[in-house]
C-alpha atoms as a PDB file:
ATOM      1  CA  MET A   1      -0.929 246.527 170.571  1.00  0.00           C
ATOM      2  CA  SER A   2       0.251 244.563 173.602  1.00  0.00           C
ATOM      3  CA  LYS A   3       2.807 246.004 176.010  1.00  0.00           C
ATOM      4  CA  HIS A   4       5.336 243.580 174.519  1.00  0.00           C
ATOM      5  CA  HIS A   5       4.730 245.118 171.095  1.00  0.00           C
ATOM      6  CA  ARG A   6       4.041 248.692 172.176  1.00  0.00           C
ATOM      7  CA  ASN A   7       5.090 251.479 169.881  1.00  0.00           C
ATOM      8  CA  ARG A   8       8.603 252.675 170.760  1.00  0.00           C
ATOM      9  CA  SER A   9       8.892 255.348 168.076  1.00  0.00           C
ATOM     10  CA  TRP A  10       8.855 259.077 168.736  1.00  0.00           C
ATOM     11  CA  ALA A  11       5.451 260.663 169.156  1.00  0.00           C
ATOM     12  CA  PRO A  12       4.345 262.805 166.189  1.00  0.00           C
ATOM     13  CA  ASP A  13       5.066 266.520 166.374  1.00  0.00           C
ATOM     14  CA  PRO A  14       2.208 268.357 168.092  1.00  0.00           C
ATOM     15  CA  GLU A  15       0.432 271.291 166.522  1.00  0.00           C
ATOM     16  CA  PRO A  16       2.650 274.361 167.044  1.00  0.00           C
ATOM     17  CA  LEU A  17       1.818 276.715 169.885  1.00  0.00           C
ATOM     18  CA  PRO A  18       0.500 280.199 169.093  1.00  0.00           C
ATOM     19  CA  GLU A  19       3.249 282.389 167.668  1.00  0.00           C
ATOM     20  CA  GLY A  20       5.108 284.410 170.244  1.00  0.00           C
ATOM     21  CA  ALA A  21       3.997 282.385 173.269  1.00  0.00           C
ATOM     22  CA  GLY A  22       7.668 281.863 174.177  1.00  0.00           C
ATOM     23  CA  VAL A  23       7.151 278.676 176.200  1.00  0.00           C
ATOM     24  CA  ILE A  24      10.060 277.229 178.197  1.00  0.00           C
ATOM     25  CA  ASP A  25      10.456 273.630 179.386  1.00  0.00           C
ATOM     26  CA  ASP A  26      10.884 274.149 183.141  1.00  0.00           C
ATOM     27  CA  HIS A  27      12.663 270.846 183.811  1.00  0.00           C
ATOM     28  CA  THR A  28      14.336 268.455 181.393  1.00  0.00           C
ATOM     29  CA  HIS A  29      17.349 266.162 181.042  1.00  0.00           C
ATOM     30  CA  MET A  30      18.222 266.441 177.359  1.00  0.00           C
ATOM     31  CA  ALA A  31      21.537 264.592 177.474  1.00  0.00           C
ATOM     32  CA  SER A  32      19.714 261.614 179.013  1.00  0.00           C
ATOM     33  CA  VAL A  33      17.246 261.562 176.120  1.00  0.00           C
ATOM     34  CA  VAL A  34      20.021 260.215 173.878  1.00  0.00           C
ATOM     35  CA  PRO A  35      20.681 256.901 175.713  1.00  0.00           C
ATOM     36  CA  PHE A  36      16.943 256.531 176.385  1.00  0.00           C
ATOM     37  CA  ALA A  37      16.199 256.744 172.646  1.00  0.00           C
ATOM     38  CA  GLN A  38      19.076 254.359 171.945  1.00  0.00           C
ATOM     39  CA  GLU A  39      17.421 251.817 174.249  1.00  0.00           C
ATOM     40  CA  MET A  40      14.043 252.359 172.535  1.00  0.00           C
ATOM     41  CA  ASP A  41      15.781 251.726 169.214  1.00  0.00           C
ATOM     42  CA  ARG A  42      17.418 248.541 170.531  1.00  0.00           C
ATOM     43  CA  GLN A  43      14.113 247.211 171.817  1.00  0.00           C
ATOM     44  CA  ALA A  44      12.305 248.101 168.592  1.00  0.00           C
ATOM     45  CA  ARG A  45      14.876 246.362 166.404  1.00  0.00           C
ATOM     46  CA  GLU A  46      14.866 243.330 168.695  1.00  0.00           C
ATOM     47  CA  ARG A  47      11.110 243.028 168.164  1.00  0.00           C
ATOM     48  CA  GLY A  48      11.214 243.587 164.411  1.00  0.00           C
ATOM     49  CA  GLN A  49       9.791 247.111 164.649  1.00  0.00           C
ATOM     50  CA  ASP A  50      10.985 250.139 162.683  1.00  0.00           C
ATOM     51  CA  PRO A  51      14.247 251.667 163.968  1.00  0.00           C
ATOM     52  CA  VAL A  52      13.921 254.621 166.333  1.00  0.00           C
ATOM     53  CA  PRO A  53      16.067 257.648 165.398  1.00  0.00           C
ATOM     54  CA  VAL A  54      18.394 258.945 168.103  1.00  0.00           C
ATOM     55  CA  ARG A  55      18.142 262.739 168.294  1.00  0.00           C
ATOM     56  CA  THR A  56      21.043 264.864 169.462  1.00  0.00           C
ATOM     57  CA  VAL A  57      20.486 267.798 171.820  1.00  0.00           C
ATOM     58  CA  ASP A  58      20.716 270.166 168.845  1.00  0.00           C
ATOM     59  CA  GLN A  59      18.039 268.179 167.016  1.00  0.00           C
ATOM     60  CA  GLN A  60      15.845 268.138 170.113  1.00  0.00           C
ATOM     61  CA  LEU A  61      16.098 271.914 170.456  1.00  0.00           C
ATOM     62  CA  ALA A  62      15.321 272.460 166.762  1.00  0.00           C
ATOM     63  CA  ARG A  63      12.284 270.196 167.020  1.00  0.00           C
ATOM     64  CA  ALA A  64      11.101 272.065 170.096  1.00  0.00           C
ATOM     65  CA  ARG A  65      11.586 275.462 168.479  1.00  0.00           C
ATOM     66  CA  ALA A  66       9.507 274.364 165.482  1.00  0.00           C
ATOM     67  CA  VAL A  67       6.468 273.864 167.737  1.00  0.00           C
ATOM     68  CA  GLY A  68       6.962 277.035 169.802  1.00  0.00           C
ATOM     69  CA  VAL A  69       9.083 275.800 172.728  1.00  0.00           C
ATOM     70  CA  VAL A  70      11.912 278.329 172.734  1.00  0.00           C
ATOM     71  CA  GLY A  71      13.980 277.295 175.748  1.00  0.00           C
ATOM     72  CA  ALA A  72      14.661 274.753 178.454  1.00  0.00           C
ATOM     73  CA  ILE A  73      16.077 274.415 181.940  1.00  0.00           C
ATOM     74  CA  ASP A  74      18.352 271.391 181.786  1.00  0.00           C
ATOM     75  CA  VAL A  75      18.829 269.669 185.128  1.00  0.00           C
ATOM     76  CA  GLY A  76      22.089 268.070 186.211  1.00  0.00           C
ATOM     77  CA  CYS A  77      21.394 266.132 189.416  1.00  0.00           C
ATOM     78  CA  GLU A  78      24.081 263.437 189.463  1.00  0.00           C
ATOM     79  CA  LEU A  79      27.724 264.298 190.022  1.00  0.00           C
ATOM     80  CA  PRO A  80      28.836 263.366 186.455  1.00  0.00           C
ATOM     81  CA  HIS A  81      25.958 265.384 184.950  1.00  0.00           C
ATOM     82  CA  LEU A  82      26.596 268.706 186.689  1.00  0.00           C
ATOM     83  CA  GLN A  83      29.144 269.932 184.173  1.00  0.00           C
ATOM     84  CA  THR A  84      27.064 268.483 181.318  1.00  0.00           C
ATOM     85  CA  ALA A  85      24.149 270.779 182.158  1.00  0.00           C
ATOM     86  CA  VAL A  86      26.474 273.786 182.402  1.00  0.00           C
ATOM     87  CA  ASP A  87      28.108 272.890 179.080  1.00  0.00           C
ATOM     88  CA  LEU A  88      24.709 272.671 177.370  1.00  0.00           C
ATOM     89  CA  ALA A  89      23.852 276.131 178.688  1.00  0.00           C
ATOM     90  CA  LEU A  90      27.195 277.481 177.475  1.00  0.00           C
ATOM     91  CA  ALA A  91      26.659 275.928 174.039  1.00  0.00           C
ATOM     92  CA  HIS A  92      23.125 277.328 173.710  1.00  0.00           C
ATOM     93  CA  PRO A  93      23.161 280.783 175.353  1.00  0.00           C
ATOM     94  CA  GLY A  94      19.756 282.248 176.040  1.00  0.00           C
ATOM     95  CA  VAL A  95      18.066 278.977 175.067  1.00  0.00           C
ATOM     96  CA  VAL A  96      19.311 276.373 177.565  1.00  0.00           C
ATOM     97  CA  HIS A  97      19.767 277.210 181.241  1.00  0.00           C
ATOM     98  CA  ALA A  98      21.118 274.904 183.945  1.00  0.00           C
ATOM     99  CA  ALA A  99      19.776 273.737 187.298  1.00  0.00           C
ATOM    100  CA  LEU A 100      22.194 271.832 189.537  1.00  0.00           C
ATOM    101  CA  ALA A 101      21.858 269.633 192.627  1.00  0.00           C
ATOM    102  CA  ILE A 102      22.490 266.174 193.996  1.00  0.00           C
ATOM    103  CA  HIS A 103      19.246 264.231 193.547  1.00  0.00           C
ATOM    104  CA  PRO A 104      17.789 262.919 196.837  1.00  0.00           C
ATOM    105  CA  ASN A 105      18.274 259.321 195.709  1.00  0.00           C
ATOM    106  CA  GLU A 106      21.880 260.112 194.814  1.00  0.00           C
ATOM    107  CA  ALA A 107      22.523 261.902 198.108  1.00  0.00           C
ATOM    108  CA  VAL A 108      22.207 258.684 200.116  1.00  0.00           C
ATOM    109  CA  LEU A 109      24.374 256.708 197.693  1.00  0.00           C
ATOM    110  CA  HIS A 110      27.340 259.057 198.130  1.00  0.00           C
ATOM    111  CA  GLY A 111      29.535 257.492 200.774  1.00  0.00           C
ATOM    112  CA  HIS A 112      27.600 254.217 200.345  1.00  0.00           C
ATOM    113  CA  ARG A 113      24.843 255.092 202.832  1.00  0.00           C
ATOM    114  CA  GLY A 114      21.863 253.845 200.808  1.00  0.00           C
ATOM    115  CA  VAL A 115      18.972 251.747 202.113  1.00  0.00           C
ATOM    116  CA  PRO A 116      16.670 249.845 199.705  1.00  0.00           C
ATOM    117  CA  GLY A 117      13.236 251.425 199.405  1.00  0.00           C
ATOM    118  CA  PRO A 118       9.675 250.232 198.753  1.00  0.00           C
ATOM    119  CA  ASP A 119      10.434 250.008 195.023  1.00  0.00           C
ATOM    120  CA  GLY A 120      12.366 246.821 195.805  1.00  0.00           C
ATOM    121  CA  LEU A 121      15.290 247.686 193.537  1.00  0.00           C
ATOM    122  CA  PRO A 122      18.789 246.721 194.696  1.00  0.00           C
ATOM    123  CA  LEU A 123      21.270 249.455 195.503  1.00  0.00           C
ATOM    124  CA  GLN A 124      23.576 250.210 192.587  1.00  0.00           C
ATOM    125  CA  TYR A 125      26.650 252.156 193.569  1.00  0.00           C
ATOM    126  CA  GLN A 126      28.679 253.884 190.865  1.00  0.00           C
ATOM    127  CA  PRO A 127      32.323 254.993 191.007  1.00  0.00           C
ATOM    128  CA  TRP A 128      31.343 258.611 191.710  1.00  0.00           C
ATOM    129  CA  HIS A 129      29.539 257.492 194.878  1.00  0.00           C
ATOM    130  CA  GLU A 130      32.947 257.070 196.515  1.00  0.00           C
ATOM    131  CA  VAL A 131      32.849 260.860 196.807  1.00  0.00           C
ATOM    132  CA  SER A 132      31.162 262.114 199.981  1.00  0.00           C
ATOM    133  CA  PHE A 133      27.847 263.930 199.682  1.00  0.00           C
ATOM    134  CA  GLU A 134      29.459 267.019 201.183  1.00  0.00           C
ATOM    135  CA  GLN A 135      32.086 267.105 198.443  1.00  0.00           C
ATOM    136  CA  ALA A 136      29.461 266.498 195.746  1.00  0.00           C
ATOM    137  CA  LEU A 137      27.359 269.388 197.036  1.00  0.00           C
ATOM    138  CA  GLU A 138      30.462 271.565 197.100  1.00  0.00           C
ATOM    139  CA  ASP A 139      30.821 270.854 193.368  1.00  0.00           C
ATOM    140  CA  VAL A 140      27.254 272.071 192.891  1.00  0.00           C
ATOM    141  CA  ALA A 141      28.084 275.270 194.784  1.00  0.00           C
ATOM    142  CA  ARG A 142      31.359 275.765 192.921  1.00  0.00           C
ATOM    143  CA  LEU A 143      29.739 275.503 189.489  1.00  0.00           C
ATOM    144  CA  ALA A 144      26.808 277.712 190.465  1.00  0.00           C
ATOM    145  CA  ARG A 145      29.206 280.413 191.592  1.00  0.00           C
ATOM    146  CA  ALA A 146      31.501 280.009 188.570  1.00  0.00           C
ATOM    147  CA  TYR A 147      28.688 280.182 186.007  1.00  0.00           C
ATOM    148  CA  PRO A 148      26.103 282.642 187.348  1.00  0.00           C
ATOM    149  CA  ASP A 149      24.775 283.413 183.861  1.00  0.00           C
ATOM    150  CA  GLN A 150      24.147 279.737 183.106  1.00  0.00           C
ATOM    151  CA  VAL A 151      23.019 278.259 186.441  1.00  0.00           C
ATOM    152  CA  VAL A 152      19.561 279.605 187.231  1.00  0.00           C
ATOM    153  CA  ALA A 153      18.396 277.187 189.945  1.00  0.00           C
ATOM    154  CA  ILE A 154      19.337 274.642 192.571  1.00  0.00           C
ATOM    155  CA  GLY A 155      17.545 271.411 191.758  1.00  0.00           C
ATOM    156  CA  GLU A 156      16.352 268.857 191.740  1.00  0.00           C
ATOM    157  CA  THR A 157      16.528 268.297 195.463  1.00  0.00           C
ATOM    158  CA  GLY A 158      13.942 267.122 197.968  1.00  0.00           C
ATOM    159  CA  MET A 159      12.944 263.695 199.268  1.00  0.00           C
ATOM    160  CA  ASP A 160      12.010 260.350 197.702  1.00  0.00           C
ATOM    161  CA  LEU A 161      10.732 257.668 200.059  1.00  0.00           C
ATOM    162  CA  PHE A 162       9.810 255.298 197.229  1.00  0.00           C
ATOM    163  CA  ARG A 163      13.396 254.692 196.143  1.00  0.00           C
ATOM    164  CA  THR A 164      15.027 255.177 199.572  1.00  0.00           C
ATOM    165  CA  GLY A 165      14.121 253.219 202.701  1.00  0.00           C
ATOM    166  CA  GLN A 166      13.292 254.667 206.114  1.00  0.00           C
ATOM    167  CA  GLY A 167      16.749 253.802 207.389  1.00  0.00           C
ATOM    168  CA  ALA A 168      18.197 256.568 205.203  1.00  0.00           C
ATOM    169  CA  GLU A 169      15.356 259.075 205.578  1.00  0.00           C
ATOM    170  CA  LYS A 170      17.315 261.286 207.995  1.00  0.00           C
ATOM    171  CA  ILE A 171      20.267 261.363 205.606  1.00  0.00           C
ATOM    172  CA  GLN A 172      18.024 262.379 202.740  1.00  0.00           C
ATOM    173  CA  ARG A 173      16.286 265.068 204.769  1.00  0.00           C
ATOM    174  CA  GLN A 174      19.611 266.556 205.838  1.00  0.00           C
ATOM    175  CA  ALA A 175      20.753 266.621 202.213  1.00  0.00           C
ATOM    176  CA  PHE A 176      17.533 268.480 201.365  1.00  0.00           C
ATOM    177  CA  ARG A 177      18.226 270.979 204.146  1.00  0.00           C
ATOM    178  CA  ASP A 178      21.740 271.547 202.824  1.00  0.00           C
ATOM    179  CA  HIS A 179      20.322 272.331 199.375  1.00  0.00           C
ATOM    180  CA  ILE A 180      17.753 274.705 200.876  1.00  0.00           C
ATOM    181  CA  ALA A 181      20.565 276.557 202.627  1.00  0.00           C
ATOM    182  CA  LEU A 182      22.602 276.724 199.414  1.00  0.00           C
ATOM    183  CA  ALA A 183      19.687 278.049 197.362  1.00  0.00           C
ATOM    184  CA  LYS A 184      19.101 280.797 199.908  1.00  0.00           C
ATOM    185  CA  GLU A 185      22.803 281.609 200.139  1.00  0.00           C
ATOM    186  CA  LEU A 186      23.050 281.997 196.357  1.00  0.00           C
ATOM    187  CA  ASP A 187      19.585 283.612 196.060  1.00  0.00           C
ATOM    188  CA  LEU A 188      18.524 281.038 193.492  1.00  0.00           C
ATOM    189  CA  PRO A 189      15.171 279.317 192.927  1.00  0.00           C
ATOM    190  CA  MET A 190      14.951 275.712 194.088  1.00  0.00           C
ATOM    191  CA  GLN A 191      13.332 272.809 192.215  1.00  0.00           C
ATOM    192  CA  ILE A 192      11.904 270.060 194.428  1.00  0.00           C
ATOM    193  CA  HIS A 193      11.678 266.342 193.700  1.00  0.00           C
ATOM    194  CA  ASP A 194       8.933 264.971 195.959  1.00  0.00           C
ATOM    195  CA  ARG A 195       7.962 261.312 195.699  1.00  0.00           C
ATOM    196  CA  ASP A 196       5.935 259.622 198.436  1.00  0.00           C
ATOM    197  CA  ALA A 197       7.254 262.313 200.790  1.00  0.00           C
ATOM    198  CA  HIS A 198       4.739 265.184 200.714  1.00  0.00           C
ATOM    199  CA  ARG A 199       4.519 265.546 204.489  1.00  0.00           C
ATOM    200  CA  GLN A 200       8.272 265.315 205.040  1.00  0.00           C
ATOM    201  CA  VAL A 201       9.064 267.822 202.287  1.00  0.00           C
ATOM    202  CA  ILE A 202       6.549 270.385 203.531  1.00  0.00           C
ATOM    203  CA  GLU A 203       7.689 269.937 207.148  1.00  0.00           C
ATOM    204  CA  THR A 204      11.281 270.605 206.120  1.00  0.00           C
ATOM    205  CA  LEU A 205      10.391 273.673 204.061  1.00  0.00           C
ATOM    206  CA  LEU A 206       8.409 275.165 206.942  1.00  0.00           C
ATOM    207  CA  GLU A 207      11.033 274.328 209.570  1.00  0.00           C
ATOM    208  CA  ASP A 208      13.994 275.654 207.598  1.00  0.00           C
ATOM    209  CA  GLY A 209      12.234 278.401 205.673  1.00  0.00           C
ATOM    210  CA  ALA A 210      11.759 277.826 201.968  1.00  0.00           C
ATOM    211  CA  PRO A 211      13.771 279.768 199.401  1.00  0.00           C
ATOM    212  CA  GLU A 212      11.860 282.767 198.090  1.00  0.00           C
ATOM    213  CA  ARG A 213      11.193 280.940 194.787  1.00  0.00           C
ATOM    214  CA  THR A 214      10.369 277.280 195.487  1.00  0.00           C
ATOM    215  CA  ILE A 215       9.086 275.022 192.710  1.00  0.00           C
ATOM    216  CA  PHE A 216       7.588 271.542 192.990  1.00  0.00           C
ATOM    217  CA  HIS A 217       8.800 269.880 189.805  1.00  0.00           C
ATOM    218  CA  SER A 218       6.493 267.333 188.154  1.00  0.00           C
ATOM    219  CA  TYR A 219       3.895 268.095 190.797  1.00  0.00           C
ATOM    220  CA  SER A 220       2.472 264.887 192.243  1.00  0.00           C
ATOM    221  CA  GLY A 221       0.310 266.156 195.099  1.00  0.00           C
ATOM    222  CA  ASP A 222      -3.413 266.870 195.246  1.00  0.00           C
ATOM    223  CA  ALA A 223      -5.624 269.937 195.630  1.00  0.00           C
ATOM    224  CA  GLN A 224      -5.141 269.998 199.416  1.00  0.00           C
ATOM    225  CA  MET A 225      -1.361 270.091 199.092  1.00  0.00           C
ATOM    226  CA  ALA A 226      -1.707 272.742 196.391  1.00  0.00           C
ATOM    227  CA  GLN A 227      -3.575 274.876 198.917  1.00  0.00           C
ATOM    228  CA  VAL A 228      -0.531 274.725 201.209  1.00  0.00           C
ATOM    229  CA  ALA A 229       1.659 275.742 198.264  1.00  0.00           C
ATOM    230  CA  ALA A 230      -0.680 278.631 197.461  1.00  0.00           C
ATOM    231  CA  GLU A 231      -0.586 279.880 201.059  1.00  0.00           C
ATOM    232  CA  HIS A 232       3.207 280.036 200.950  1.00  0.00           C
ATOM    233  CA  GLY A 233       3.680 281.302 197.412  1.00  0.00           C
ATOM    234  CA  TRP A 234       5.265 278.113 196.108  1.00  0.00           C
ATOM    235  CA  TYR A 235       5.125 277.245 192.417  1.00  0.00           C
ATOM    236  CA  LEU A 236       3.931 274.035 190.772  1.00  0.00           C
ATOM    237  CA  SER A 237       5.464 272.671 187.571  1.00  0.00           C
ATOM    238  CA  PHE A 238       3.342 270.177 185.643  1.00  0.00           C
ATOM    239  CA  SER A 239       4.655 267.311 183.512  1.00  0.00           C
ATOM    240  CA  GLY A 240       2.912 264.756 181.315  1.00  0.00           C
ATOM    241  CA  THR A 241       1.444 263.164 184.450  1.00  0.00           C
ATOM    242  CA  VAL A 242      -1.222 265.886 184.426  1.00  0.00           C
ATOM    243  CA  SER A 243      -2.705 264.047 181.435  1.00  0.00           C
ATOM    244  CA  TYR A 244      -2.786 260.580 183.051  1.00  0.00           C
ATOM    245  CA  LYS A 245      -6.227 259.121 183.701  1.00  0.00           C
ATOM    246  CA  GLY A 246      -5.995 258.625 187.465  1.00  0.00           C
ATOM    247  CA  ASN A 247      -4.442 261.990 188.333  1.00  0.00           C
ATOM    248  CA  GLU A 248      -7.532 264.110 188.980  1.00  0.00           C
ATOM    249  CA  GLY A 249      -5.901 265.568 192.106  1.00  0.00           C
ATOM    250  CA  ILE A 250      -3.009 266.905 190.049  1.00  0.00           C
ATOM    251  CA  ARG A 251      -5.425 268.523 187.592  1.00  0.00           C
ATOM    252  CA  GLN A 252      -7.407 270.101 190.429  1.00  0.00           C
ATOM    253  CA  ALA A 253      -4.196 271.627 191.794  1.00  0.00           C
ATOM    254  CA  LEU A 254      -3.935 273.831 188.692  1.00  0.00           C
ATOM    255  CA  SER A 255      -6.960 275.879 189.695  1.00  0.00           C
ATOM    256  CA  VAL A 256      -5.959 276.046 193.357  1.00  0.00           C
ATOM    257  CA  VAL A 257      -2.635 277.848 192.841  1.00  0.00           C
ATOM    258  CA  GLY A 258      -3.791 279.922 189.875  1.00  0.00           C
ATOM    259  CA  MET A 259      -2.271 280.885 186.565  1.00  0.00           C
ATOM    260  CA  ASP A 260       0.578 282.987 188.024  1.00  0.00           C
ATOM    261  CA  TYR A 261       2.037 280.015 189.905  1.00  0.00           C
ATOM    262  CA  ILE A 262       2.132 277.251 187.294  1.00  0.00           C
ATOM    263  CA  MET A 263       4.847 276.111 184.900  1.00  0.00           C
ATOM    264  CA  VAL A 264       5.156 273.300 182.365  1.00  0.00           C
ATOM    265  CA  GLU A 265       7.902 270.708 181.935  1.00  0.00           C
ATOM    266  CA  THR A 266       8.774 267.414 180.306  1.00  0.00           C
ATOM    267  CA  ASP A 267      11.131 265.757 182.825  1.00  0.00           C
ATOM    268  CA  ALA A 268      12.467 264.204 179.621  1.00  0.00           C
ATOM    269  CA  PRO A 269      13.213 261.478 178.781  1.00  0.00           C
ATOM    270  CA  TYR A 270      10.469 260.347 181.175  1.00  0.00           C
ATOM    271  CA  LEU A 271       6.758 261.047 181.741  1.00  0.00           C
ATOM    272  CA  SER A 272       5.590 261.547 178.154  1.00  0.00           C
ATOM    273  CA  PRO A 273       2.012 262.873 178.076  1.00  0.00           C
ATOM    274  CA  MET A 274      -0.955 260.862 176.891  1.00  0.00           C
ATOM    275  CA  PRO A 275      -1.567 259.283 174.466  1.00  0.00           C
ATOM    276  CA  TYR A 276       2.183 258.682 174.145  1.00  0.00           C
ATOM    277  CA  ARG A 277       3.005 257.503 177.665  1.00  0.00           C
ATOM    278  CA  GLY A 278       6.062 255.210 177.664  1.00  0.00           C
ATOM    279  CA  ARG A 279       7.735 256.723 174.621  1.00  0.00           C
ATOM    280  CA  THR A 280      10.825 258.941 174.705  1.00  0.00           C
ATOM    281  CA  ASN A 281       9.999 262.416 175.983  1.00  0.00           C
ATOM    282  CA  SER A 282      11.713 265.593 174.767  1.00  0.00           C
ATOM    283  CA  PRO A 283      10.936 269.339 174.916  1.00  0.00           C
ATOM    284  CA  TYR A 284       8.962 269.249 171.648  1.00  0.00           C
ATOM    285  CA  MET A 285       6.252 267.323 173.550  1.00  0.00           C
ATOM    286  CA  ILE A 286       5.394 270.331 175.758  1.00  0.00           C
ATOM    287  CA  PRO A 287       2.332 271.373 173.685  1.00  0.00           C
ATOM    288  CA  TYR A 288       0.612 268.073 174.503  1.00  0.00           C
ATOM    289  CA  THR A 289       0.987 268.745 178.220  1.00  0.00           C
ATOM    290  CA  LEU A 290      -0.133 272.353 177.836  1.00  0.00           C
ATOM    291  CA  ARG A 291      -3.272 271.120 176.083  1.00  0.00           C
ATOM    292  CA  ALA A 292      -4.061 268.835 179.037  1.00  0.00           C
ATOM    293  CA  MET A 293      -3.502 271.754 181.423  1.00  0.00           C
ATOM    294  CA  ALA A 294      -5.745 274.024 179.358  1.00  0.00           C
ATOM    295  CA  ASP A 295      -8.479 271.387 179.306  1.00  0.00           C
ATOM    296  CA  ALA A 296      -8.274 270.959 183.083  1.00  0.00           C
ATOM    297  CA  LEU A 297      -8.478 274.720 183.597  1.00  0.00           C
ATOM    298  CA  ASP A 298     -11.132 275.155 180.908  1.00  0.00           C
ATOM    299  CA  CYS A 299      -8.996 277.955 179.466  1.00  0.00           C
ATOM    300  CA  PRO A 300      -7.709 278.702 175.963  1.00  0.00           C
ATOM    301  CA  LEU A 301      -4.407 276.977 175.190  1.00  0.00           C
ATOM    302  CA  GLU A 302      -2.756 280.285 174.293  1.00  0.00           C
ATOM    303  CA  GLN A 303      -3.628 281.793 177.677  1.00  0.00           C
ATOM    304  CA  VAL A 304      -2.077 278.879 179.576  1.00  0.00           C
ATOM    305  CA  ALA A 305       1.006 278.814 177.330  1.00  0.00           C
ATOM    306  CA  ARG A 306       1.689 282.517 177.805  1.00  0.00           C
ATOM    307  CA  ALA A 307       1.072 282.317 181.540  1.00  0.00           C
ATOM    308  CA  THR A 308       3.564 279.481 182.071  1.00  0.00           C
ATOM    309  CA  ALA A 309       6.123 281.308 179.925  1.00  0.00           C
ATOM    310  CA  ALA A 310       5.759 284.540 181.882  1.00  0.00           C
ATOM    311  CA  THR A 311       5.983 282.742 185.232  1.00  0.00           C
ATOM    312  CA  THR A 312       9.047 280.741 184.203  1.00  0.00           C
ATOM    313  CA  ARG A 313      10.875 283.855 183.013  1.00  0.00           C
ATOM    314  CA  ARG A 314       9.974 285.751 186.177  1.00  0.00           C
ATOM    315  CA  VAL A 315      10.946 282.989 188.607  1.00  0.00           C
ATOM    316  CA  TYR A 316      14.346 282.264 186.993  1.00  0.00           C
ATOM    317  CA  GLY A 317      15.140 285.809 185.907  1.00  0.00           C
ATOM    318  CA  LEU A 318      15.409 284.833 182.245  1.00  0.00           C
END
């Protein structure tokens, strides 16, 4: 099937995880899955393919539960999505938990300070970018303090030098530092977005002092970077990219940090694991990623599933 006619339907349900594994999706954006699936449906219909169902958050959670994924940390990292993540946690107590931050790419857009990056995409300012970054971060802090039972992390923060040009690198790094300070002030774990910025992210963590529980979400480094993480007690969360053909360095990182420092995530609606790359991701896809992790570690699937679950609960105090 050519890319033009690629399959846009949902991936089939994976084989359920061993009973009682209690796996949690460490990083997802469930509200964003809805418009993503709507776009997949539009494209499918346009090409004469079967319609793609649009699954609500409730349907996504039910699907996940059926295959042994019992919870999720939903990430709100744009100003309009902060309250959405909190509301999902309120609506699904004990199942959905919230992480809040201003994404590094968003941080430079607030106050219209963006610089085009190597990705070549034009800057697209939204109405909420009229708000200063400082005010946006204050909203993060306000919600985290107001909903301590729902907000379990600051994230995703960090640096992204693929989407943001060098002219705004200092702005992005300062925004990262402000999030580090907030995570430490609130004694919360911090989830890091790191894209084409490994050196800058590590420099900042070492200069400022990383929060006690620091997690690299959708880990994209190699075994050498994982060694640095291991030396400092940082955690690595693995998405579907661990299953992609060219990512041997990511797979090697699993063994470097060890079973007590790994988690699993979807980053839904993006980064679906192989062989379903490009389709809509959702927490029910976690078992596919766990299988890739187990294969890379040469360990039983159940052992890896239980280890990620135990680490996730310990790190976030769930």
